[in-house]
């Protein structure tokens, strides 16, 4: 776990670095404490696509660029196979829906 600050909020996050960790993400988790999440780190800015297949809780998916600025925040609906895409992403933070980020 590592702590990160985004805006005026602080989160304890698990870090997904390997492809396997990135693929699994927060699948099969039944609940997530309000101050916890998962941070996905990429080697360089890139176009990414996420989906919520096998993810049971609604999430805010926060896309962040290499200047550590939030590009966008999109809502992931539980078990949805719709792709959630963004360009120029270095980090993705997944936290509970309605995070206020």
N, C-alpha and C. Protein backbone atom coordinates (compact mmCIF):
# COMPACT_ATOMS: atom_id res chain seq x y z
N UNK A 1 0.84 -1.19 0.00
CA UNK A 1 0.00 0.00 0.00
C UNK A 1 0.88 1.25 0.00
N UNK A 2 0.41 2.26 -0.71
CA UNK A 2 1.08 3.55 -0.66
C UNK A 2 0.03 4.63 -0.50
N UNK A 3 0.42 5.77 0.03
CA UNK A 3 -0.52 6.88 0.20
C UNK A 3 -0.31 7.87 -0.94
N UNK A 4 -1.42 8.36 -1.48
CA UNK A 4 -1.35 9.41 -2.49
C UNK A 4 -2.36 10.50 -2.13
N UNK A 5 -2.06 11.70 -2.57
CA UNK A 5 -2.99 12.81 -2.39
C UNK A 5 -3.47 13.24 -3.76
N UNK A 6 -4.77 13.49 -3.85
CA UNK A 6 -5.33 14.01 -5.08
C UNK A 6 -6.36 15.05 -4.66
N UNK A 7 -6.12 16.29 -5.07
CA UNK A 7 -6.95 17.38 -4.57
C UNK A 7 -6.76 17.47 -3.06
N UNK A 8 -7.88 17.52 -2.33
CA UNK A 8 -7.80 17.60 -0.87
C UNK A 8 -8.05 16.24 -0.23
N UNK A 9 -7.96 15.18 -0.99
CA UNK A 9 -8.22 13.85 -0.48
C UNK A 9 -6.93 13.02 -0.42
N UNK A 10 -6.89 12.10 0.53
CA UNK A 10 -5.76 11.20 0.65
C UNK A 10 -6.29 9.77 0.56
N UNK A 11 -5.61 8.96 -0.20
CA UNK A 11 -6.02 7.57 -0.39
C UNK A 11 -4.87 6.63 -0.09
N UNK A 12 -5.21 5.48 0.49
CA UNK A 12 -4.28 4.37 0.61
C UNK A 12 -4.57 3.47 -0.60
N UNK A 13 -3.58 3.28 -1.44
CA UNK A 13 -3.83 2.55 -2.67
C UNK A 13 -2.91 1.35 -2.81
N UNK A 14 -3.46 0.31 -3.42
CA UNK A 14 -2.65 -0.80 -3.90
C UNK A 14 -2.14 -0.37 -5.26
N UNK A 15 -0.91 -0.73 -5.59
CA UNK A 15 -0.33 -0.33 -6.86
C UNK A 15 -0.31 -1.53 -7.80
N UNK A 16 -0.88 -1.34 -9.00
CA UNK A 16 -0.87 -2.37 -10.03
C UNK A 16 0.22 -2.01 -11.04
N UNK A 17 1.31 -2.77 -11.05
CA UNK A 17 2.42 -2.51 -11.96
C UNK A 17 2.52 -3.57 -13.05
N UNK A 18 2.33 -4.83 -12.69
CA UNK A 18 2.47 -5.91 -13.67
C UNK A 18 1.21 -6.00 -14.53
N UNK A 19 1.35 -6.62 -15.68
CA UNK A 19 0.19 -6.80 -16.56
C UNK A 19 -0.90 -7.61 -15.85
N UNK A 20 -0.50 -8.61 -15.09
CA UNK A 20 -1.47 -9.45 -14.36
C UNK A 20 -2.25 -8.62 -13.34
N UNK A 21 -1.53 -7.78 -12.59
CA UNK A 21 -2.19 -6.93 -11.60
C UNK A 21 -3.13 -5.94 -12.29
N UNK A 22 -2.70 -5.40 -13.42
CA UNK A 22 -3.54 -4.44 -14.15
C UNK A 22 -4.79 -5.12 -14.70
N UNK A 23 -4.65 -6.35 -15.18
CA UNK A 23 -5.80 -7.07 -15.72
C UNK A 23 -6.83 -7.36 -14.63
N UNK A 24 -6.36 -7.76 -13.44
CA UNK A 24 -7.27 -8.11 -12.35
C UNK A 24 -7.91 -6.87 -11.74
N UNK A 25 -7.12 -5.82 -11.50
CA UNK A 25 -7.66 -4.60 -10.93
C UNK A 25 -8.44 -4.87 -9.65
N UNK A 26 -9.65 -4.34 -9.59
CA UNK A 26 -10.49 -4.51 -8.40
C UNK A 26 -11.61 -5.53 -8.63
N UNK A 27 -11.37 -6.46 -9.56
CA UNK A 27 -12.37 -7.51 -9.78
C UNK A 27 -12.60 -8.31 -8.51
N UNK A 28 -13.83 -8.77 -8.36
CA UNK A 28 -14.22 -9.68 -7.27
C UNK A 28 -14.19 -9.05 -5.88
N UNK A 29 -13.95 -7.74 -5.78
CA UNK A 29 -14.00 -7.08 -4.48
C UNK A 29 -15.45 -6.71 -4.19
N UNK A 30 -15.90 -7.01 -2.97
CA UNK A 30 -17.29 -6.77 -2.60
C UNK A 30 -17.54 -5.34 -2.13
N UNK A 31 -16.52 -4.72 -1.53
CA UNK A 31 -16.64 -3.34 -1.06
C UNK A 31 -15.25 -2.73 -0.97
N UNK A 32 -15.20 -1.41 -0.92
CA UNK A 32 -13.93 -0.69 -0.87
C UNK A 32 -14.07 0.44 0.14
N UNK A 33 -13.19 0.49 1.16
CA UNK A 33 -13.26 1.61 2.10
C UNK A 33 -13.15 2.94 1.36
N UNK A 34 -13.78 3.96 1.89
CA UNK A 34 -13.87 5.26 1.22
C UNK A 34 -12.51 5.88 0.92
N UNK A 35 -11.51 5.57 1.75
CA UNK A 35 -10.19 6.19 1.57
C UNK A 35 -9.18 5.23 0.91
N UNK A 36 -9.67 4.21 0.22
CA UNK A 36 -8.78 3.27 -0.43
C UNK A 36 -9.09 3.19 -1.92
N UNK A 37 -8.13 2.66 -2.66
CA UNK A 37 -8.31 2.51 -4.10
C UNK A 37 -7.17 1.71 -4.70
N UNK A 38 -7.08 1.77 -6.03
CA UNK A 38 -5.99 1.11 -6.74
C UNK A 38 -5.41 2.08 -7.74
N UNK A 39 -4.07 2.11 -7.80
CA UNK A 39 -3.36 2.97 -8.72
C UNK A 39 -2.66 2.11 -9.76
N UNK A 40 -2.93 2.41 -11.03
CA UNK A 40 -2.31 1.71 -12.15
C UNK A 40 -1.23 2.64 -12.71
N UNK A 41 -0.01 2.12 -12.87
CA UNK A 41 1.10 2.93 -13.35
C UNK A 41 1.60 2.37 -14.67
N UNK A 42 1.73 3.25 -15.67
CA UNK A 42 2.23 2.85 -16.98
C UNK A 42 3.64 3.39 -17.17
N UNK A 43 4.41 2.76 -18.06
CA UNK A 43 5.79 3.15 -18.31
C UNK A 43 5.91 4.51 -18.99
N UNK A 44 4.94 4.82 -19.83
CA UNK A 44 4.94 6.09 -20.55
C UNK A 44 3.49 6.45 -20.86
N UNK A 45 3.21 7.73 -21.15
CA UNK A 45 1.83 8.11 -21.46
C UNK A 45 1.30 7.31 -22.64
N UNK A 46 0.07 6.84 -22.54
CA UNK A 46 -0.51 6.03 -23.60
C UNK A 46 -2.02 6.09 -23.59
N UNK A 47 -2.61 5.57 -24.65
CA UNK A 47 -4.06 5.46 -24.75
C UNK A 47 -4.46 4.18 -24.00
N UNK A 48 -5.43 4.30 -23.13
CA UNK A 48 -5.85 3.15 -22.32
C UNK A 48 -7.35 2.91 -22.46
N UNK A 49 -7.75 1.67 -22.19
CA UNK A 49 -9.16 1.31 -22.19
C UNK A 49 -9.40 0.38 -21.00
N UNK A 50 -10.42 0.69 -20.23
CA UNK A 50 -10.79 -0.10 -19.06
C UNK A 50 -12.22 -0.59 -19.25
N UNK A 51 -12.54 -1.69 -18.58
CA UNK A 51 -13.92 -2.13 -18.50
C UNK A 51 -14.17 -2.67 -17.11
N UNK A 52 -15.44 -2.89 -16.79
CA UNK A 52 -15.83 -3.27 -15.44
C UNK A 52 -16.29 -4.72 -15.34
N UNK A 53 -16.00 -5.51 -16.36
CA UNK A 53 -16.38 -6.93 -16.34
C UNK A 53 -15.81 -7.56 -15.06
N UNK A 54 -16.64 -8.28 -14.35
CA UNK A 54 -16.27 -8.96 -13.10
C UNK A 54 -15.94 -8.00 -11.95
N UNK A 55 -16.22 -6.70 -12.12
CA UNK A 55 -16.05 -5.74 -11.03
C UNK A 55 -17.44 -5.44 -10.47
N UNK A 56 -17.62 -5.69 -9.18
CA UNK A 56 -18.96 -5.69 -8.59
C UNK A 56 -19.39 -4.37 -7.97
N UNK A 57 -18.46 -3.42 -7.85
CA UNK A 57 -18.80 -2.15 -7.20
C UNK A 57 -18.63 -0.99 -8.19
N UNK A 58 -19.46 0.06 -8.09
CA UNK A 58 -19.30 1.21 -8.98
C UNK A 58 -18.04 1.99 -8.61
N UNK A 59 -17.32 2.46 -9.63
CA UNK A 59 -16.05 3.15 -9.39
C UNK A 59 -15.97 4.47 -10.13
N UNK A 60 -15.20 5.39 -9.59
CA UNK A 60 -14.70 6.53 -10.34
C UNK A 60 -13.35 6.09 -10.90
N UNK A 61 -13.18 6.23 -12.20
CA UNK A 61 -11.92 5.90 -12.84
C UNK A 61 -11.28 7.23 -13.23
N UNK A 62 -10.17 7.53 -12.56
CA UNK A 62 -9.53 8.84 -12.68
C UNK A 62 -8.29 8.69 -13.57
N UNK A 63 -8.30 9.38 -14.71
CA UNK A 63 -7.19 9.31 -15.66
C UNK A 63 -6.27 10.50 -15.42
N UNK A 64 -4.96 10.24 -15.29
CA UNK A 64 -3.99 11.25 -14.89
C UNK A 64 -2.83 11.25 -15.90
N UNK A 65 -2.37 12.45 -16.28
CA UNK A 65 -1.29 12.53 -17.28
C UNK A 65 0.09 12.56 -16.62
N UNK A 66 1.13 12.75 -17.44
CA UNK A 66 2.50 12.71 -16.91
C UNK A 66 2.88 13.97 -16.14
N UNK A 67 2.02 14.99 -16.14
CA UNK A 67 2.22 16.16 -15.28
C UNK A 67 1.48 15.99 -13.95
N UNK A 68 0.95 14.79 -13.73
CA UNK A 68 0.16 14.45 -12.55
C UNK A 68 -1.10 15.31 -12.44
N UNK A 69 -1.67 15.65 -13.59
CA UNK A 69 -2.93 16.40 -13.65
C UNK A 69 -4.04 15.44 -14.07
N UNK A 70 -5.21 15.63 -13.45
CA UNK A 70 -6.36 14.80 -13.81
C UNK A 70 -6.85 15.21 -15.20
N UNK A 71 -6.88 14.24 -16.11
CA UNK A 71 -7.40 14.47 -17.47
C UNK A 71 -8.92 14.39 -17.45
N UNK A 72 -9.43 13.31 -16.83
CA UNK A 72 -10.87 13.11 -16.75
C UNK A 72 -11.20 12.11 -15.66
N UNK A 73 -12.46 12.12 -15.24
CA UNK A 73 -12.99 11.14 -14.29
C UNK A 73 -14.23 10.54 -14.94
N UNK A 74 -14.24 9.23 -15.09
CA UNK A 74 -15.37 8.56 -15.71
C UNK A 74 -15.90 7.51 -14.75
N UNK A 75 -17.22 7.30 -14.80
CA UNK A 75 -17.83 6.34 -13.88
C UNK A 75 -17.90 4.95 -14.52
N UNK A 76 -17.44 3.98 -13.75
CA UNK A 76 -17.53 2.59 -14.17
C UNK A 76 -18.71 1.93 -13.50
N UNK A 77 -19.57 1.34 -14.32
CA UNK A 77 -20.76 0.67 -13.79
C UNK A 77 -20.46 -0.82 -13.56
N UNK A 78 -20.89 -1.35 -12.42
CA UNK A 78 -20.60 -2.76 -12.10
C UNK A 78 -20.96 -3.71 -13.24
N UNK A 79 -20.04 -4.62 -13.51
CA UNK A 79 -20.20 -5.73 -14.46
C UNK A 79 -20.37 -5.30 -15.92
N UNK A 80 -20.18 -4.02 -16.21
CA UNK A 80 -20.33 -3.52 -17.58
C UNK A 80 -19.14 -3.94 -18.44
N UNK A 81 -19.42 -4.29 -19.69
CA UNK A 81 -18.35 -4.61 -20.64
C UNK A 81 -18.10 -3.46 -21.60
N UNK A 82 -18.72 -2.29 -21.34
CA UNK A 82 -18.46 -1.11 -22.16
C UNK A 82 -17.04 -0.62 -21.88
N UNK A 83 -16.34 -0.22 -22.94
CA UNK A 83 -14.98 0.29 -22.76
C UNK A 83 -15.01 1.75 -22.29
N UNK A 84 -14.13 2.06 -21.37
CA UNK A 84 -13.95 3.41 -20.85
C UNK A 84 -12.54 3.81 -21.28
N UNK A 85 -12.44 4.77 -22.21
CA UNK A 85 -11.16 5.06 -22.84
C UNK A 85 -10.69 6.48 -22.58
N UNK A 86 -9.37 6.64 -22.60
CA UNK A 86 -8.76 7.97 -22.48
C UNK A 86 -7.39 7.92 -23.14
N UNK A 87 -6.94 9.08 -23.63
CA UNK A 87 -5.65 9.18 -24.32
C UNK A 87 -4.62 9.89 -23.44
N UNK A 88 -3.34 9.58 -23.64
CA UNK A 88 -2.25 10.29 -22.98
C UNK A 88 -2.18 10.05 -21.48
N UNK A 89 -2.43 8.82 -21.06
CA UNK A 89 -2.55 8.49 -19.63
C UNK A 89 -1.26 7.86 -19.11
N UNK A 90 -0.79 8.34 -17.95
CA UNK A 90 0.36 7.72 -17.28
C UNK A 90 -0.08 6.95 -16.02
N UNK A 91 -1.13 7.47 -15.36
CA UNK A 91 -1.66 6.83 -14.14
C UNK A 91 -3.18 6.74 -14.25
N UNK A 92 -3.72 5.67 -13.65
CA UNK A 92 -5.17 5.56 -13.49
C UNK A 92 -5.43 5.23 -12.03
N UNK A 93 -6.33 5.98 -11.42
CA UNK A 93 -6.73 5.76 -10.04
C UNK A 93 -8.17 5.30 -10.02
N UNK A 94 -8.41 4.15 -9.38
CA UNK A 94 -9.79 3.67 -9.21
C UNK A 94 -10.17 3.82 -7.75
N UNK A 95 -11.27 4.53 -7.52
CA UNK A 95 -11.80 4.75 -6.17
C UNK A 95 -13.32 4.60 -6.22
N UNK A 96 -13.95 4.64 -5.05
CA UNK A 96 -15.40 4.55 -4.99
C UNK A 96 -16.06 5.65 -5.84
N UNK A 97 -17.19 5.31 -6.42
CA UNK A 97 -17.97 6.27 -7.21
C UNK A 97 -18.33 7.47 -6.36
N UNK A 98 -18.54 8.61 -7.00
CA UNK A 98 -18.90 9.88 -6.33
C UNK A 98 -17.80 10.32 -5.35
N UNK A 99 -16.55 10.14 -5.77
CA UNK A 99 -15.40 10.50 -4.92
C UNK A 99 -15.24 12.00 -4.75
N UNK A 100 -15.81 12.78 -5.69
CA UNK A 100 -15.62 14.22 -5.64
C UNK A 100 -14.35 14.67 -6.34
N UNK A 101 -13.59 13.76 -6.89
CA UNK A 101 -12.38 14.11 -7.65
C UNK A 101 -12.80 14.71 -8.97
